[in-house]
Amino acid sequence: MKKPVLTIVLASTLAFGAVGSQAVFAKPAEIAQNQPVKVFDHKVINKLNVENIYKNIEYLSKTPRVAGTEAEDKAVKFIKEQFESYGYEVDLQPFTFYGYTPPHTIELDVNGYDGQLNPGSFTYTVSGEVSGELVYAGLGTASDLEGLDLTGKIALIKRGDISFAEKVLNAANKGASGVLIFNNASGAMNGTLGEANDQYVPAASLSKAEGDALAASLSNGETHTATLKIEGARTGESVSHNVIATKKPTNKKKDTNNVIVVGSHHDSVAGAPGANDDASGTAMTLELARVFKDLPTDSEIRFITFGAEELGLIGSTHYVANLSDDEKNRIIANFNLDMVGSKDAGDLIMATLDGQPNLVTELAQASSTRLNGEPTPYSQGGRSDHVPFAEAGIPAALFIHSPSEPWYHTPEDTIDKISKEKLEDVAEIVGTAVYEQARFNNMGPKTKKAKKIKADKQAYHEQNIR
């Protein structure tokens, strides 16, 4: 997901607690006094199998699933087959988007340098194979490059002061055939050039240690020739898919005509296996679909995994935009599962686009109180697939742990960082919340339409990283 900007808006009765622990079931007498877990909760809880969620995360996170790529297509096929194995008829909703496909190959060789180099890519970098003298160019600002002739050379530039895009363009304007930008702090560097530009030259990222070592070698008077090879990067039209499995009401005579959407996004960012972001939400959506398949309900439930979330919520926006007014009015709730399993993240919270409670937060707070003894807090936050639903006036909330894990959008977002306890906790809270509303003769909160909310750009798009 695009990391949410969260402004905590909590009622005085709410507090951030140890929400991520498993529900503890007391003896019957104690349940009535302390944790009023209801009989219908067990119909969901007893069916949930966290091992299923974990195994599906493991399968999905074997490789990055960038929207519009073969890897995403394979993920879509897997998700469709899983839904079908539970007995669902599945719809694939294709959509075309103009976007960036990241490179499949990045190679860097620096002649005369013995250290190991592991180059990374920037979103919107271009393909190409270039070779030239390596030249240190400071921060890549106009003043740093003044008087430098970079014609046919590869510029080594340090992160800071100006955007990555400006650094690449400044060097290209001085004749550089390629650019290497190294970090100014330890840790991974996940950068974007912001948008496509015909003036870009091939650019790759390096760690702080790698860049410092190369810069030191150059300052000692050594001369190096660098060869940078980037293949597979392109900007243009691509196709992604939303995967939709629908559970119809069990008894048509008692059909409320309401629809509940449980969803997640199945794509990831380039270079990140996306175990938590968002194979965790996708696998949980699959497991909840399996659990609900044979449970009696008076409402329709749609289990959806969206494509191209990481590129600006494109799949969920397409889905909502293509709903009729009647369909929008029928959808009473959207439960959005994004990054719900990292052992290195904080406690579970919910985020609504306007920071106000709605049917989703009310249902989930009631279920988490029954299961864990305290309500899951809610906050204001966008930048995930609940945004288009909220903009359409549909009650929607994002389920996520905050603060995010340090592995967010990095190659380290792998299966070994996943907590089965957190997966189980979220699945129980969401599953019982959905069932409280969808079961026959429910006594849950009254359904009501939310006001349409206009999201600002930050709800959709990642700003240029500096």
Protein backbone atom coordinates (compact mmCIF):
# COMPACT_ATOMS: atom_id res chain seq x y z
CA MET A 1 0.00 0.00 0.00
CA LYS A 2 0.93 3.61 -0.15
CA LYS A 3 1.94 4.30 3.42
CA PRO A 4 -0.95 6.14 5.10
CA VAL A 5 -0.57 9.53 6.68
CA LEU A 6 -2.46 9.02 9.91
CA THR A 7 -3.86 11.76 12.10
CA ILE A 8 -5.17 10.12 15.21
CA VAL A 9 -8.69 11.26 16.05
CA LEU A 10 -9.73 9.25 19.07
CA ALA A 11 -12.60 9.63 21.44
CA SER A 12 -11.53 10.04 25.05
CA THR A 13 -12.69 6.54 25.83
CA LEU A 14 -10.30 4.98 23.31
CA ALA A 15 -6.64 4.23 23.82
CA PHE A 16 -3.97 2.44 21.90
CA GLY A 17 -3.72 -0.92 23.57
CA ALA A 18 -2.35 -4.36 22.89
CA VAL A 19 -4.94 -4.97 20.21
CA GLY A 20 -2.68 -7.35 18.35
CA SER A 21 -2.98 -10.19 20.86
CA GLN A 22 -5.19 -13.19 20.29
CA ALA A 23 -8.63 -13.25 21.80
CA VAL A 24 -8.69 -15.08 25.13
CA PHE A 25 -11.87 -17.03 25.76
CA ALA A 26 -12.94 -17.24 29.36
CA LYS A 27 -15.28 -19.71 30.97
CA PRO A 28 -19.00 -19.19 30.25
CA ALA A 29 -19.68 -17.31 33.48
CA GLU A 30 -16.72 -15.02 32.89
CA ILE A 31 -17.74 -14.36 29.30
CA ALA A 32 -21.04 -12.89 30.42
CA GLN A 33 -19.27 -10.54 32.84
CA ASN A 34 -16.06 -9.62 31.02
CA GLN A 35 -15.92 -10.61 27.36
CA PRO A 36 -19.41 -11.04 25.92
CA VAL A 37 -18.36 -13.15 22.94
CA LYS A 38 -21.55 -14.12 21.14
CA VAL A 39 -22.55 -17.50 19.82
CA PHE A 40 -22.46 -16.25 16.23
CA ASP A 41 -18.84 -15.11 16.69
CA HIS A 42 -17.79 -18.72 17.10
CA LYS A 43 -19.35 -19.62 13.75
CA VAL A 44 -16.62 -17.49 12.18
CA ILE A 45 -13.78 -17.99 14.65
CA ASN A 46 -14.06 -21.78 14.65
CA LYS A 47 -13.78 -21.90 10.86
CA LEU A 48 -10.80 -19.56 10.51
CA ASN A 49 -7.47 -21.25 9.84
CA VAL A 50 -4.48 -18.94 10.14
CA GLU A 51 -2.28 -21.55 8.46
CA ASN A 52 -4.28 -21.06 5.26
CA ILE A 53 -3.59 -17.32 5.40
CA TYR A 54 0.10 -17.86 6.07
CA LYS A 55 0.54 -20.39 3.26
CA ASN A 56 -1.15 -18.10 0.74
CA ILE A 57 1.07 -15.20 1.82
CA GLU A 58 4.07 -17.46 1.35
CA TYR A 59 2.98 -18.36 -2.18
CA LEU A 60 2.11 -14.81 -3.24
CA SER A 61 5.28 -13.26 -1.84
CA LYS A 62 7.73 -15.41 -3.76
CA THR A 63 8.26 -12.50 -6.15
CA PRO A 64 7.20 -8.85 -6.52
CA ARG A 65 3.75 -8.46 -8.14
CA VAL A 66 4.01 -5.15 -9.96
CA ALA A 67 0.80 -4.13 -11.73
CA GLY A 68 0.74 -4.94 -15.43
CA THR A 69 3.50 -7.55 -15.26
CA GLU A 70 3.51 -11.29 -15.77
CA ALA A 71 4.05 -11.74 -12.03
CA GLU A 72 0.82 -9.89 -11.27
CA ASP A 73 -0.99 -11.98 -13.89
CA LYS A 74 0.18 -15.14 -12.11
CA ALA A 75 -1.08 -13.75 -8.79
CA VAL A 76 -4.46 -12.97 -10.35
CA LYS A 77 -4.68 -16.53 -11.72
CA PHE A 78 -3.81 -17.96 -8.29
CA ILE A 79 -6.39 -15.82 -6.49
CA LYS A 80 -9.08 -16.74 -9.01
CA GLU A 81 -8.33 -20.44 -8.62
CA GLN A 82 -8.43 -20.18 -4.83
CA PHE A 83 -11.83 -18.49 -4.89
CA GLU A 84 -13.09 -21.14 -7.31
CA SER A 85 -11.80 -23.93 -5.08
CA TYR A 86 -14.12 -22.62 -2.34
CA GLY A 87 -17.08 -22.88 -4.72
CA TYR A 88 -17.34 -19.30 -5.97
CA GLU A 89 -18.01 -18.09 -9.46
CA VAL A 90 -15.34 -15.46 -10.10
CA ASP A 91 -15.35 -12.37 -12.27
CA LEU A 92 -12.14 -10.84 -13.59
CA GLN A 93 -12.52 -7.12 -14.22
CA PRO A 94 -9.75 -5.93 -16.57
CA PHE A 95 -8.70 -2.32 -16.82
CA THR A 96 -6.07 -0.49 -18.80
CA PHE A 97 -3.79 2.10 -17.26
CA TYR A 98 -0.95 4.23 -18.46
CA GLY A 99 1.90 3.50 -16.14
CA TYR A 100 5.43 2.43 -15.51
CA THR A 101 6.81 -1.09 -15.75
CA PRO A 102 9.99 -1.44 -13.66
CA PRO A 103 13.15 -3.04 -15.05
CA HIS A 104 13.70 -6.76 -14.74
CA THR A 105 17.48 -6.38 -15.00
CA ILE A 106 19.84 -3.87 -13.37
CA GLU A 107 23.56 -4.53 -13.66
CA LEU A 108 26.46 -2.30 -12.66
CA ASP A 109 30.15 -2.90 -13.15
CA VAL A 110 32.83 -0.43 -12.03
CA ASN A 111 36.20 -1.30 -13.49
CA GLY A 112 38.98 -1.23 -10.91
CA TYR A 113 36.61 -1.32 -7.91
CA ASP A 114 36.72 -4.52 -5.86
CA GLY A 115 33.73 -3.89 -3.61
CA GLN A 116 30.34 -5.52 -4.10
CA LEU A 117 27.63 -3.37 -5.69
CA ASN A 118 23.88 -4.04 -5.52
CA PRO A 119 22.17 -1.35 -7.61
CA GLY A 120 18.46 -0.63 -7.28
CA SER A 121 16.02 1.17 -9.54
CA PHE A 122 14.01 4.35 -9.40
CA THR A 123 10.41 4.40 -10.54
CA TYR A 124 10.36 5.91 -14.05
CA THR A 125 14.03 5.27 -14.72
CA VAL A 126 14.65 4.35 -18.35
CA SER A 127 16.22 1.31 -19.96
CA GLY A 128 19.62 1.47 -21.60
CA GLU A 129 23.20 0.26 -21.49
CA VAL A 130 25.74 3.04 -20.93
CA SER A 131 29.42 3.13 -20.15
CA GLY A 132 31.73 5.97 -19.21
CA GLU A 133 34.12 7.49 -16.71
CA LEU A 134 32.67 7.68 -13.21
CA VAL A 135 32.65 11.26 -11.91
CA TYR A 136 31.59 12.47 -8.45
CA ALA A 137 29.04 15.28 -8.77
CA GLY A 138 28.13 16.13 -5.17
CA LEU A 139 24.40 16.55 -4.61
CA GLY A 140 23.76 17.05 -8.30
CA THR A 141 22.51 20.62 -7.87
CA ALA A 142 23.07 23.22 -10.56
CA SER A 143 25.84 24.80 -8.49
CA ASP A 144 27.51 21.42 -7.88
CA LEU A 145 27.60 20.75 -11.62
CA GLU A 146 28.74 24.22 -12.63
CA GLY A 147 31.98 23.92 -14.60
CA LEU A 148 31.73 20.11 -14.81
CA ASP A 149 31.79 18.44 -18.22
CA LEU A 150 29.86 15.19 -17.87
CA THR A 151 29.65 14.41 -21.57
CA GLY A 152 29.61 10.63 -22.01
CA LYS A 153 30.31 10.11 -18.32
CA ILE A 154 28.38 8.54 -15.44
CA ALA A 155 27.66 10.89 -12.55
CA LEU A 156 27.90 9.67 -8.97
CA ILE A 157 25.51 11.81 -6.92
CA LYS A 158 24.61 11.88 -3.24
CA ARG A 159 20.98 11.98 -2.05
CA GLY A 160 19.72 15.23 -0.55
CA ASP A 161 18.50 18.85 -1.11
CA ILE A 162 16.71 18.27 -4.42
CA SER A 163 14.54 15.50 -5.85
CA PHE A 164 15.92 12.45 -7.58
CA ALA A 165 14.38 13.65 -10.83
CA GLU A 166 16.19 17.00 -10.63
CA LYS A 167 19.49 15.24 -10.01
CA VAL A 168 19.05 13.03 -13.08
CA LEU A 169 17.93 15.91 -15.30
CA ASN A 170 20.71 18.22 -14.13
CA ALA A 171 23.32 15.56 -14.91
CA ALA A 172 21.71 14.73 -18.26
CA ASN A 173 21.74 18.42 -19.21
CA LYS A 174 25.49 18.40 -18.58
CA GLY A 175 25.89 15.47 -21.00
CA ALA A 176 25.94 12.54 -18.56
CA SER A 177 25.03 9.21 -20.12
CA GLY A 178 23.99 7.70 -16.78
CA VAL A 179 23.50 8.53 -13.11
CA LEU A 180 24.17 6.67 -9.86
CA ILE A 181 22.52 8.17 -6.76
CA PHE A 182 23.63 6.88 -3.36
CA ASN A 183 21.84 7.16 -0.05
CA ASN A 184 22.75 9.70 2.64
CA ALA A 185 21.67 7.35 5.45
CA SER A 186 21.82 3.64 6.14
CA GLY A 187 19.01 1.43 4.94
CA ALA A 188 17.21 0.84 1.68
CA MET A 189 16.39 3.70 -0.67
CA ASN A 190 13.05 3.52 -2.46
CA GLY A 191 12.81 6.40 -4.87
CA THR A 192 10.74 7.72 -7.73
CA LEU A 193 11.51 10.18 -10.48
CA GLY A 194 7.90 11.27 -10.22
CA GLU A 195 6.81 10.90 -13.82
CA ALA A 196 8.01 9.86 -17.24
CA ASN A 197 10.39 12.23 -19.01
CA ASP A 198 12.14 11.80 -22.36
CA GLN A 199 15.15 13.68 -20.97
CA TYR A 200 16.00 11.03 -18.39
CA VAL A 201 19.13 8.89 -18.75
CA PRO A 202 19.49 5.45 -17.12
CA ALA A 203 19.71 5.91 -13.34
CA ALA A 204 20.25 3.47 -10.50
CA SER A 205 20.48 3.69 -6.72
CA LEU A 206 23.26 2.61 -4.37
CA SER A 207 23.49 2.26 -0.61
CA LYS A 208 25.29 4.83 1.50
CA ALA A 209 28.20 2.45 2.11
CA GLU A 210 28.57 1.70 -1.61
CA GLY A 211 28.39 5.35 -2.62
CA ASP A 212 30.76 6.53 0.10
CA ALA A 213 33.32 3.92 -0.93
CA LEU A 214 33.18 4.92 -4.59
CA ALA A 215 33.34 8.63 -3.75
CA ALA A 216 36.35 8.04 -1.49
CA SER A 217 38.12 6.10 -4.21
CA LEU A 218 37.56 8.92 -6.69
CA SER A 219 38.74 11.55 -4.21
CA ASN A 220 41.95 9.55 -3.76
CA GLY A 221 42.68 10.08 -7.44
CA GLU A 222 41.65 6.68 -8.72
CA THR A 223 39.92 6.48 -12.10
CA HIS A 224 37.03 4.15 -12.74
CA THR A 225 34.95 3.28 -15.78
CA ALA A 226 31.38 2.31 -14.98
CA THR A 227 28.98 0.28 -17.09
CA LEU A 228 25.28 0.47 -16.21
CA LYS A 229 22.72 -1.84 -17.82
CA ILE A 230 18.98 -1.44 -17.26
CA GLU A 231 16.52 -3.63 -19.16
CA GLY A 232 12.72 -3.95 -19.11
CA ALA A 233 11.81 -0.48 -17.88
CA ARG A 234 9.09 1.16 -19.91
CA THR A 235 6.25 3.65 -19.66
CA GLY A 236 3.04 2.97 -21.56
CA GLU A 237 -0.33 1.23 -21.46
CA SER A 238 -0.67 -1.93 -19.37
CA VAL A 239 -3.52 -4.17 -18.25
CA SER A 240 -4.34 -5.19 -14.69
CA HIS A 241 -7.35 -6.93 -13.13
CA ASN A 242 -9.68 -6.86 -10.16
CA VAL A 243 -10.72 -10.32 -8.94
CA ILE A 244 -14.30 -10.54 -7.63
CA ALA A 245 -15.95 -13.47 -5.81
CA THR A 246 -19.58 -12.90 -4.79
CA LYS A 247 -21.54 -14.65 -2.03
CA LYS A 248 -25.26 -14.24 -2.65
CA PRO A 249 -27.72 -14.13 0.26
CA THR A 250 -28.64 -17.61 1.49
CA ASN A 251 -32.39 -17.02 1.45
CA LYS A 252 -33.78 -14.80 -1.31
CA LYS A 253 -36.95 -14.15 0.69
CA LYS A 254 -34.90 -12.59 3.47
CA ASP A 255 -32.49 -10.72 1.16
CA THR A 256 -31.80 -7.26 2.61
CA ASN A 257 -30.52 -6.07 -0.79
CA ASN A 258 -27.40 -4.87 1.04
CA VAL A 259 -23.86 -5.53 -0.13
CA ILE A 260 -20.70 -5.73 2.00
CA VAL A 261 -17.32 -5.52 0.29
CA VAL A 262 -14.25 -7.15 1.87
CA GLY A 263 -11.14 -6.29 -0.09
CA SER A 264 -7.40 -5.86 -0.43
CA HIS A 265 -4.86 -5.16 -3.16
CA HIS A 266 -2.79 -7.93 -4.69
CA ASP A 267 -0.04 -5.87 -6.39
CA SER A 268 3.25 -4.83 -4.80
CA VAL A 269 5.97 -2.31 -5.56
CA ALA A 270 9.03 -3.13 -7.64
CA GLY A 271 11.71 -5.03 -5.75
CA ALA A 272 9.46 -5.87 -2.80
CA PRO A 273 7.99 -9.37 -2.39
CA GLY A 274 5.14 -7.67 -0.53
CA ALA A 275 4.46 -10.31 2.09
CA ASN A 276 2.79 -7.77 4.35
CA ASP A 277 2.02 -5.19 1.65
CA ASP A 278 -0.29 -6.66 0.66
CA ALA A 279 -0.14 -10.43 0.33
CA SER A 280 -1.32 -10.42 3.96
CA GLY A 281 -4.56 -8.61 3.10
CA THR A 282 -5.07 -10.67 -0.03
CA ALA A 283 -4.59 -13.97 1.80
CA MET A 284 -6.94 -12.83 4.56
CA THR A 285 -9.59 -11.87 1.98
CA LEU A 286 -9.26 -15.38 0.53
CA GLU A 287 -9.61 -17.04 3.92
CA LEU A 288 -12.64 -14.96 4.88
CA ALA A 289 -14.23 -15.93 1.56
CA ARG A 290 -13.63 -19.59 2.39
CA VAL A 291 -15.12 -19.17 5.87
CA PHE A 292 -18.23 -17.33 4.67
CA LYS A 293 -19.02 -19.59 1.73
CA ASP A 294 -21.36 -21.83 3.70
CA LEU A 295 -22.45 -19.45 6.47
CA PRO A 296 -26.10 -18.34 6.26
CA THR A 297 -26.35 -14.63 5.46
CA ASP A 298 -29.11 -12.23 4.46
CA SER A 299 -26.75 -9.82 2.67
CA GLU A 300 -24.52 -10.16 -0.37
CA ILE A 301 -20.79 -10.22 0.37
CA ARG A 302 -18.23 -9.43 -2.32
CA PHE A 303 -14.64 -10.49 -1.79
CA ILE A 304 -12.41 -8.42 -4.06
CA THR A 305 -8.68 -8.12 -4.63
CA PHE A 306 -7.72 -4.98 -6.52
CA GLY A 307 -4.91 -4.42 -9.00
CA ALA A 308 -2.63 -1.39 -9.38
CA GLU A 309 -3.19 0.04 -5.89
CA GLU A 310 0.45 0.97 -5.61
CA LEU A 311 0.19 3.12 -8.75
CA GLY A 312 -2.58 5.30 -7.33
CA LEU A 313 -5.56 3.12 -6.28
CA ILE A 314 -6.29 2.48 -9.94
CA GLY A 315 -8.11 -0.86 -9.58
CA SER A 316 -10.44 0.18 -6.76
CA THR A 317 -11.11 3.53 -8.45
CA HIS A 318 -12.05 1.69 -11.65
CA TYR A 319 -14.32 -0.67 -9.73
CA VAL A 320 -16.24 2.08 -7.93
CA ALA A 321 -16.44 4.28 -11.02
CA ASN A 322 -18.14 1.46 -12.93
CA LEU A 323 -20.79 0.81 -10.30
CA SER A 324 -24.30 1.99 -11.10
CA ASP A 325 -25.98 4.41 -8.69
CA ASP A 326 -28.14 1.53 -7.50
CA GLU A 327 -25.05 -0.60 -6.80
CA LYS A 328 -23.40 2.23 -4.88
CA ASN A 329 -26.54 2.63 -2.80
CA ARG A 330 -26.65 -1.10 -2.07
CA ILE A 331 -23.06 -1.26 -0.77
CA ILE A 332 -23.26 -0.46 2.93
CA ALA A 333 -19.68 -1.20 4.00
CA ASN A 334 -16.13 -1.64 2.70
CA PHE A 335 -13.61 -3.47 4.89
CA ASN A 336 -10.16 -2.75 3.40
CA LEU A 337 -7.34 -5.06 4.53
CA ASP A 338 -3.89 -3.62 3.87
CA MET A 339 -0.69 -4.60 5.69
CA VAL A 340 -2.33 -6.69 8.40
CA GLY A 341 0.37 -9.17 9.42
CA SER A 342 3.81 -7.71 10.14
CA LYS A 343 5.32 -8.69 13.46
CA ASP A 344 7.47 -5.54 13.29
CA ALA A 345 4.56 -3.10 12.96
CA GLY A 346 2.58 -1.51 15.79
CA ASP A 347 -0.96 -2.13 16.99
CA LEU A 348 -4.07 -2.53 14.88
CA ILE A 349 -5.97 0.63 14.02
CA MET A 350 -8.65 1.57 11.53
CA ALA A 351 -8.45 4.59 9.24
CA THR A 352 -11.38 6.39 7.67
CA LEU A 353 -10.94 9.06 5.03
CA ASP A 354 -12.48 11.81 7.16
CA GLY A 355 -11.43 10.48 10.56
CA GLN A 356 -15.07 9.99 11.57
CA PRO A 357 -16.75 6.76 12.68
CA ASN A 358 -19.02 4.87 10.31
CA LEU A 359 -20.75 1.51 10.06
CA VAL A 360 -17.44 -0.31 9.50
CA THR A 361 -15.72 1.18 12.54
CA GLU A 362 -18.81 0.63 14.70
CA LEU A 363 -19.03 -3.02 13.74
CA ALA A 364 -15.30 -3.60 14.19
CA GLN A 365 -15.13 -1.78 17.51
CA ALA A 366 -18.00 -3.89 18.79
CA SER A 367 -16.32 -7.12 17.65
CA SER A 368 -12.87 -6.19 18.98
CA THR A 369 -14.43 -5.27 22.32
CA ARG A 370 -16.12 -8.67 22.47
CA LEU A 371 -12.96 -10.52 21.46
CA ASN A 372 -10.17 -8.49 23.05
CA GLY A 373 -11.88 -6.51 25.78
CA GLU A 374 -11.24 -3.13 24.13
CA PRO A 375 -12.25 -1.40 20.90
CA THR A 376 -9.83 -1.03 18.02
CA PRO A 377 -9.12 2.71 17.72
CA TYR A 378 -9.79 4.63 14.55
CA SER A 379 -7.99 7.52 12.89
CA GLN A 380 -7.92 9.61 9.74
CA GLY A 381 -6.02 8.18 6.79
CA GLY A 382 -6.16 7.65 3.05
CA ARG A 383 -3.79 6.22 0.43
CA SER A 384 -5.41 2.80 0.22
CA ASP A 385 -8.38 1.19 -1.49
CA HIS A 386 -11.03 2.43 0.96
CA VAL A 387 -10.63 5.95 -0.51
CA PRO A 388 -12.75 5.52 -3.70
CA PHE A 389 -15.54 3.90 -1.67
CA ALA A 390 -15.54 6.74 0.86
CA GLU A 391 -15.58 9.30 -1.95
CA ALA A 392 -18.71 7.59 -3.30
CA GLY A 393 -20.47 7.91 0.05
CA ILE A 394 -19.93 4.29 1.09
CA PRO A 395 -18.89 3.63 4.73
CA ALA A 396 -15.31 2.38 4.48
CA ALA A 397 -12.29 1.81 6.68
CA LEU A 398 -8.72 0.63 6.31
CA PHE A 399 -7.42 -2.03 8.71
CA ILE A 400 -3.68 -1.61 9.27
CA HIS A 401 -1.06 -1.75 12.01
CA SER A 402 0.58 1.51 13.06
CA PRO A 403 3.36 2.49 13.02
CA SER A 404 4.30 0.57 9.87
CA GLU A 405 7.12 -1.94 9.87
CA PRO A 406 10.64 -0.79 8.85
CA TRP A 407 10.48 -3.23 5.92
CA TYR A 408 7.74 -1.26 4.19
CA HIS A 409 8.32 -1.19 0.40
CA THR A 410 11.68 -2.94 0.63
CA PRO A 411 13.08 -6.33 -0.45
CA GLU A 412 12.88 -7.32 3.24
CA ASP A 413 9.06 -7.45 3.21
CA THR A 414 9.20 -11.23 3.31
CA ILE A 415 7.26 -14.12 4.83
CA ASP A 416 9.57 -14.42 7.85
CA LYS A 417 8.34 -10.99 9.03
CA ILE A 418 4.73 -12.17 9.26
CA SER A 419 3.03 -12.77 12.61
CA LYS A 420 0.38 -15.49 12.70
CA GLU A 421 -0.96 -13.99 15.93
CA LYS A 422 -1.63 -10.64 14.23
CA LEU A 423 -3.18 -12.34 11.22
CA GLU A 424 -5.52 -14.31 13.47
CA ASP A 425 -6.46 -11.23 15.49
CA VAL A 426 -7.40 -9.12 12.45
CA ALA A 427 -9.21 -11.99 10.71
CA GLU A 428 -11.31 -12.64 13.82
CA ILE A 429 -12.18 -8.97 14.31
CA VAL A 430 -13.11 -8.38 10.67
CA GLY A 431 -14.79 -11.74 10.19
CA THR A 432 -17.06 -11.41 13.22
CA ALA A 433 -17.81 -7.77 12.39
CA VAL A 434 -18.93 -8.70 8.87
CA TYR A 435 -20.99 -11.62 10.15
CA GLU A 436 -22.71 -9.52 12.79
CA GLN A 437 -24.09 -7.37 9.98
CA ALA A 438 -24.65 -10.07 7.36
CA ARG A 439 -26.24 -12.82 9.47
CA PHE A 440 -29.97 -13.35 9.68
CA ASN A 441 -31.88 -11.24 12.22
CA ASN A 442 -28.81 -9.22 13.15
CA MET A 443 -29.09 -6.64 15.90
CA GLY A 444 -26.02 -4.65 14.86
CA PRO A 445 -25.75 -0.95 14.03
CA LYS A 446 -28.34 0.44 11.65
CA THR A 447 -27.14 0.83 8.09
CA LYS A 448 -26.86 4.38 6.86
CA LYS A 449 -25.17 6.01 3.92
CA ALA A 450 -22.14 8.15 4.57
CA LYS A 451 -21.54 11.58 3.10
CA LYS A 452 -19.40 11.71 0.00
CA ILE A 453 -15.87 12.78 0.90
CA LYS A 454 -13.45 14.44 -1.45
CA ALA A 455 -9.93 13.15 -0.97
CA ASP A 456 -6.93 15.35 -1.59
CA LYS A 457 -4.10 14.21 -3.85
CA GLN A 458 -2.18 12.72 -0.96
CA ALA A 459 -4.95 10.16 -0.57
CA TYR A 460 -3.90 8.73 -3.93
CA HIS A 461 -0.37 9.58 -4.86
CA GLU A 462 3.07 9.22 -3.38
CA GLN A 463 5.03 12.44 -3.38
CA ASN A 464 8.50 12.58 -4.89
CA ILE A 465 10.96 11.21 -2.35
CA ARG A 466 13.89 13.50 -1.67
